[in-house]
């Protein structure tokens, strides 16, 4: 079965162009979403759950499926390993249901693997050079200037016994864990977290 996946980044954009193309390609079932690739994509996850060996995923263009080449390769590789084909209508070179498409995908996979290895090699070399200079590698310790301001404001609000959710919202802090880290840095004992 040909299964179509269509995506646009915002709710204002239309899926019509993609859906029409997927219908012409013979898709019998569709998964559609208006969602950026930076967010969770529930329809993509639903599609991955219902796919069966012998199915072919069809998309309008590669950028509709993933953010990066590496992400695309991992996803297509997962499909291939489960006996599921992949076809991009506007990227004719990538159709894993054909011998040429499989060859192209194998080359892409090898290039991505080489890129991963090169990054790891450069990272190891950089860390070794840093150690020789008595420097530690990795992320710098401490908070950025903006985070320091947020930490001070969060500690003030916490000491005023403002609800946790109110602090998170007011300061645009993404999680309780980040808030608690800010409070610890400000020297506030938070062993008994407030639950409200």
Foldseek 3Di string as FASTA:
>chain_A
DEEEEFEAAAPPDDRVVWVVVSVVVPHPYYQYDHHDQVDDDVSVVVVVVPDAAPYEYEGQAQVRPHDDLVVSLVVQVVCVVRNYWYYHNVPHQQTCVDPSNVVVSVVSVVVVVVVVVVVVVVVVVVQVVCVVVVHHDDDDDDDDPLLLVLLVVLLVCVVVVDDPVVSCVVSVPDDPVSNVVSPVVVVHDCPPPDPD
